[in-house]
Amino acid sequence: MLMLILNVLYLLVSIAMIVLVLLQRGAGAAAGSGFGAGASGTVFGARGASSFMTKTTKWLAVAFFGISLFMAWHAIRSSHPEVQQDLGVMSQAEAPAPSATSPVPAPGEMPAPPPAAPEVPAAVPSPAEAAPPAQ
């Protein structure tokens, strides 16, 4: 219920912010009249006290970012770890069980090296293969 209310509020704040930004007059709106008659002293000069729409836009932006951060925090905190993804074929694969010859090391321990394989002598050709064919 909380997330539904926040989503509706989030949507209303974003629409109001878009409307207020589009209704405001930009700093360059008077640039054309700045070079003609009836211009104020400066083209891009100081604006003086901020207007009602500027203050409202600022507070709507603060609310927008605040709601965004709270919804992201809430989504992370309420994630359900018991929900499993469907891995298809990989979900049927079983992990190999540790054998008695390779014990699982305790946390922080280095695993023991694998047992050395017995030395296998190089293959010696049989006398029939080593002798050149008789002519």
C-alpha atoms as a PDB file:
ATOM      1  CA  MET A   1       0.000   0.000   0.000  1.00  0.00           C
ATOM      2  CA  LEU A   2       2.871   2.346   0.836  1.00  0.00           C
ATOM      3  CA  MET A   3       4.524   1.767  -2.533  1.00  0.00           C
ATOM      4  CA  LEU A   4       1.244   2.413  -4.367  1.00  0.00           C
ATOM      5  CA  ILE A   5       0.816   5.751  -2.598  1.00  0.00           C
ATOM      6  CA  LEU A   6       4.451   6.669  -3.269  1.00  0.00           C
ATOM      7  CA  ASN A   7       4.144   5.739  -6.944  1.00  0.00           C
ATOM      8  CA  VAL A   8       1.068   7.947  -7.376  1.00  0.00           C
ATOM      9  CA  LEU A   9       2.758  10.801  -5.505  1.00  0.00           C
ATOM     10  CA  TYR A  10       5.924  10.282  -7.587  1.00  0.00           C
ATOM     11  CA  LEU A  11       3.927  10.538 -10.805  1.00  0.00           C
ATOM     12  CA  LEU A  12       2.080  13.682  -9.662  1.00  0.00           C
ATOM     13  CA  VAL A  13       5.303  15.380  -8.537  1.00  0.00           C
ATOM     14  CA  SER A  14       7.026  14.576 -11.826  1.00  0.00           C
ATOM     15  CA  ILE A  15       4.128  15.891 -13.928  1.00  0.00           C
ATOM     16  CA  ALA A  16       3.917  19.075 -11.824  1.00  0.00           C
ATOM     17  CA  MET A  17       7.658  19.607 -12.138  1.00  0.00           C
ATOM     18  CA  ILE A  18       7.550  19.169 -15.924  1.00  0.00           C
ATOM     19  CA  VAL A  19       4.683  21.662 -16.229  1.00  0.00           C
ATOM     20  CA  LEU A  20       6.389  24.243 -14.017  1.00  0.00           C
ATOM     21  CA  VAL A  21       9.687  23.968 -15.881  1.00  0.00           C
ATOM     22  CA  LEU A  22       7.947  24.421 -19.220  1.00  0.00           C
ATOM     23  CA  LEU A  23       5.950  27.430 -17.981  1.00  0.00           C
ATOM     24  CA  GLN A  24       8.958  29.318 -16.651  1.00  0.00           C
ATOM     25  CA  ARG A  25      10.638  31.947 -18.706  1.00  0.00           C
ATOM     26  CA  GLY A  26      14.281  31.197 -19.422  1.00  0.00           C
ATOM     27  CA  ALA A  27      17.210  33.562 -18.895  1.00  0.00           C
ATOM     28  CA  GLY A  28      17.639  33.942 -22.636  1.00  0.00           C
ATOM     29  CA  ALA A  29      14.000  34.860 -23.286  1.00  0.00           C
ATOM     30  CA  ALA A  30      14.759  38.572 -23.162  1.00  0.00           C
ATOM     31  CA  ALA A  31      17.928  38.304 -25.242  1.00  0.00           C
ATOM     32  CA  GLY A  32      16.217  39.428 -28.420  1.00  0.00           C
ATOM     33  CA  SER A  33      14.712  42.485 -26.809  1.00  0.00           C
ATOM     34  CA  GLY A  34      18.049  43.279 -25.180  1.00  0.00           C
ATOM     35  CA  PHE A  35      19.411  44.594 -28.472  1.00  0.00           C
ATOM     36  CA  GLY A  36      16.353  46.661 -29.376  1.00  0.00           C
ATOM     37  CA  ALA A  37      14.306  49.389 -27.796  1.00  0.00           C
ATOM     38  CA  GLY A  38      12.719  49.019 -24.383  1.00  0.00           C
ATOM     39  CA  ALA A  39      15.383  46.680 -23.053  1.00  0.00           C
ATOM     40  CA  SER A  40      16.305  46.443 -19.423  1.00  0.00           C
ATOM     41  CA  GLY A  41      19.800  47.387 -18.284  1.00  0.00           C
ATOM     42  CA  THR A  42      21.285  43.926 -18.853  1.00  0.00           C
ATOM     43  CA  VAL A  43      20.553  41.041 -21.162  1.00  0.00           C
ATOM     44  CA  PHE A  44      21.463  38.164 -18.818  1.00  0.00           C
ATOM     45  CA  GLY A  45      21.589  40.156 -15.605  1.00  0.00           C
ATOM     46  CA  ALA A  46      20.611  39.246 -12.061  1.00  0.00           C
ATOM     47  CA  ARG A  47      17.016  38.188 -11.640  1.00  0.00           C
ATOM     48  CA  GLY A  48      16.523  39.504  -8.127  1.00  0.00           C
ATOM     49  CA  ALA A  49      14.232  37.590  -5.804  1.00  0.00           C
ATOM     50  CA  SER A  50      13.223  34.180  -7.077  1.00  0.00           C
ATOM     51  CA  SER A  51       9.659  33.801  -8.191  1.00  0.00           C
ATOM     52  CA  PHE A  52       6.965  31.517  -6.814  1.00  0.00           C
ATOM     53  CA  MET A  53       7.411  29.107  -9.719  1.00  0.00           C
ATOM     54  CA  THR A  54      11.160  28.859  -9.161  1.00  0.00           C
ATOM     55  CA  LYS A  55      10.732  28.066  -5.468  1.00  0.00           C
ATOM     56  CA  THR A  56       7.975  25.560  -6.213  1.00  0.00           C
ATOM     57  CA  THR A  57      10.129  23.837  -8.846  1.00  0.00           C
ATOM     58  CA  LYS A  58      12.999  23.594  -6.365  1.00  0.00           C
ATOM     59  CA  TRP A  59      10.840  21.950  -3.691  1.00  0.00           C
ATOM     60  CA  LEU A  60       9.235  19.616  -6.219  1.00  0.00           C
ATOM     61  CA  ALA A  61      12.726  18.543  -7.330  1.00  0.00           C
ATOM     62  CA  VAL A  62      13.722  17.912  -3.695  1.00  0.00           C
ATOM     63  CA  ALA A  63      10.565  15.824  -3.188  1.00  0.00           C
ATOM     64  CA  PHE A  64      11.188  13.941  -6.462  1.00  0.00           C
ATOM     65  CA  PHE A  65      14.722  12.940  -5.480  1.00  0.00           C
ATOM     66  CA  GLY A  66      13.679  12.144  -1.920  1.00  0.00           C
ATOM     67  CA  ILE A  67      10.892   9.828  -3.082  1.00  0.00           C
ATOM     68  CA  SER A  68      13.275   8.225  -5.601  1.00  0.00           C
ATOM     69  CA  LEU A  69      15.880   7.483  -2.946  1.00  0.00           C
ATOM     70  CA  PHE A  70      13.305   6.165  -0.469  1.00  0.00           C
ATOM     71  CA  MET A  71      11.710   3.876  -3.066  1.00  0.00           C
ATOM     72  CA  ALA A  72      15.135   2.497  -4.062  1.00  0.00           C
ATOM     73  CA  TRP A  73      16.058   1.908  -0.396  1.00  0.00           C
ATOM     74  CA  HIS A  74      12.713   0.244   0.261  1.00  0.00           C
ATOM     75  CA  ALA A  75      13.081  -2.010  -2.795  1.00  0.00           C
ATOM     76  CA  ILE A  76      16.510  -3.186  -1.655  1.00  0.00           C
ATOM     77  CA  ARG A  77      15.377  -3.773   1.939  1.00  0.00           C
ATOM     78  CA  SER A  78      12.264  -5.710   0.957  1.00  0.00           C
ATOM     79  CA  SER A  79      13.870  -7.994  -1.625  1.00  0.00           C
ATOM     80  CA  HIS A  80      12.924 -11.618  -1.147  1.00  0.00           C
ATOM     81  CA  PRO A  81      15.969 -13.919  -1.168  1.00  0.00           C
ATOM     82  CA  GLU A  82      13.783 -17.046  -1.223  1.00  0.00           C
ATOM     83  CA  VAL A  83      12.593 -16.243  -4.746  1.00  0.00           C
ATOM     84  CA  GLN A  84      14.604 -18.422  -7.116  1.00  0.00           C
ATOM     85  CA  GLN A  85      15.299 -17.723 -10.747  1.00  0.00           C
ATOM     86  CA  ASP A  86      14.388 -20.292 -13.349  1.00  0.00           C
ATOM     87  CA  LEU A  87      17.793 -21.428 -14.585  1.00  0.00           C
ATOM     88  CA  GLY A  88      16.428 -23.959 -17.058  1.00  0.00           C
ATOM     89  CA  VAL A  89      18.889 -26.794 -17.630  1.00  0.00           C
ATOM     90  CA  MET A  90      21.369 -25.367 -15.125  1.00  0.00           C
ATOM     91  CA  SER A  91      18.890 -25.799 -12.277  1.00  0.00           C
ATOM     92  CA  GLN A  92      19.023 -29.563 -12.836  1.00  0.00           C
ATOM     93  CA  ALA A  93      22.817 -29.745 -12.545  1.00  0.00           C
ATOM     94  CA  GLU A  94      24.098 -30.925  -9.196  1.00  0.00           C
ATOM     95  CA  ALA A  95      27.240 -29.620  -7.583  1.00  0.00           C
ATOM     96  CA  PRO A  96      29.895 -32.292  -7.087  1.00  0.00           C
ATOM     97  CA  ALA A  97      30.047 -33.454  -3.496  1.00  0.00           C
ATOM     98  CA  PRO A  98      33.416 -33.090  -1.785  1.00  0.00           C
ATOM     99  CA  SER A  99      35.183 -36.418  -1.616  1.00  0.00           C
ATOM    100  CA  ALA A 100      37.040 -37.820   1.368  1.00  0.00           C
ATOM    101  CA  THR A 101      40.390 -37.281  -0.371  1.00  0.00           C
ATOM    102  CA  SER A 102      39.771 -33.565  -0.833  1.00  0.00           C
ATOM    103  CA  PRO A 103      38.388 -32.136   2.418  1.00  0.00           C
ATOM    104  CA  VAL A 104      36.867 -28.673   2.380  1.00  0.00           C
ATOM    105  CA  PRO A 105      39.222 -26.176   4.063  1.00  0.00           C
ATOM    106  CA  ALA A 106      37.975 -24.037   6.919  1.00  0.00           C
ATOM    107  CA  PRO A 107      37.327 -20.362   6.173  1.00  0.00           C
ATOM    108  CA  GLY A 108      40.599 -18.465   6.091  1.00  0.00           C
ATOM    109  CA  GLU A 109      42.719 -21.576   5.489  1.00  0.00           C
ATOM    110  CA  MET A 110      44.617 -22.269   2.343  1.00  0.00           C
ATOM    111  CA  PRO A 111      43.390 -25.389   0.574  1.00  0.00           C
ATOM    112  CA  ALA A 112      45.752 -28.336   0.622  1.00  0.00           C
ATOM    113  CA  PRO A 113      47.516 -29.064  -2.664  1.00  0.00           C
ATOM    114  CA  PRO A 114      46.154 -32.028  -4.589  1.00  0.00           C
ATOM    115  CA  PRO A 115      47.933 -35.332  -3.963  1.00  0.00           C
ATOM    116  CA  ALA A 116      50.850 -35.912  -6.290  1.00  0.00           C
ATOM    117  CA  ALA A 117      50.210 -38.345  -9.104  1.00  0.00           C
ATOM    118  CA  PRO A 118      52.516 -41.379  -9.146  1.00  0.00           C
ATOM    119  CA  GLU A 119      55.381 -41.109 -11.553  1.00  0.00           C
ATOM    120  CA  VAL A 120      54.620 -42.885 -14.785  1.00  0.00           C
ATOM    121  CA  PRO A 121      57.702 -43.935 -16.754  1.00  0.00           C
ATOM    122  CA  ALA A 122      57.940 -42.930 -20.369  1.00  0.00           C
ATOM    123  CA  ALA A 123      56.662 -45.467 -22.821  1.00  0.00           C
ATOM    124  CA  VAL A 124      59.439 -47.766 -24.019  1.00  0.00           C
ATOM    125  CA  PRO A 125      58.906 -49.200 -27.476  1.00  0.00           C
ATOM    126  CA  SER A 126      58.721 -52.948 -27.636  1.00  0.00           C
ATOM    127  CA  PRO A 127      61.633 -54.791 -29.351  1.00  0.00           C
ATOM    128  CA  ALA A 128      59.432 -55.619 -32.315  1.00  0.00           C
ATOM    129  CA  GLU A 129      58.640 -51.925 -32.881  1.00  0.00           C
ATOM    130  CA  ALA A 130      62.223 -50.769 -32.254  1.00  0.00           C
ATOM    131  CA  ALA A 131      63.921 -53.160 -34.719  1.00  0.00           C
ATOM    132  CA  PRO A 132      63.972 -52.073 -38.336  1.00  0.00           C
ATOM    133  CA  PRO A 133      62.172 -54.384 -40.702  1.00  0.00           C
ATOM    134  CA  ALA A 134      64.349 -57.211 -42.114  1.00  0.00           C
ATOM    135  CA  GLN A 135      65.022 -57.286 -45.806  1.00  0.00           C
END
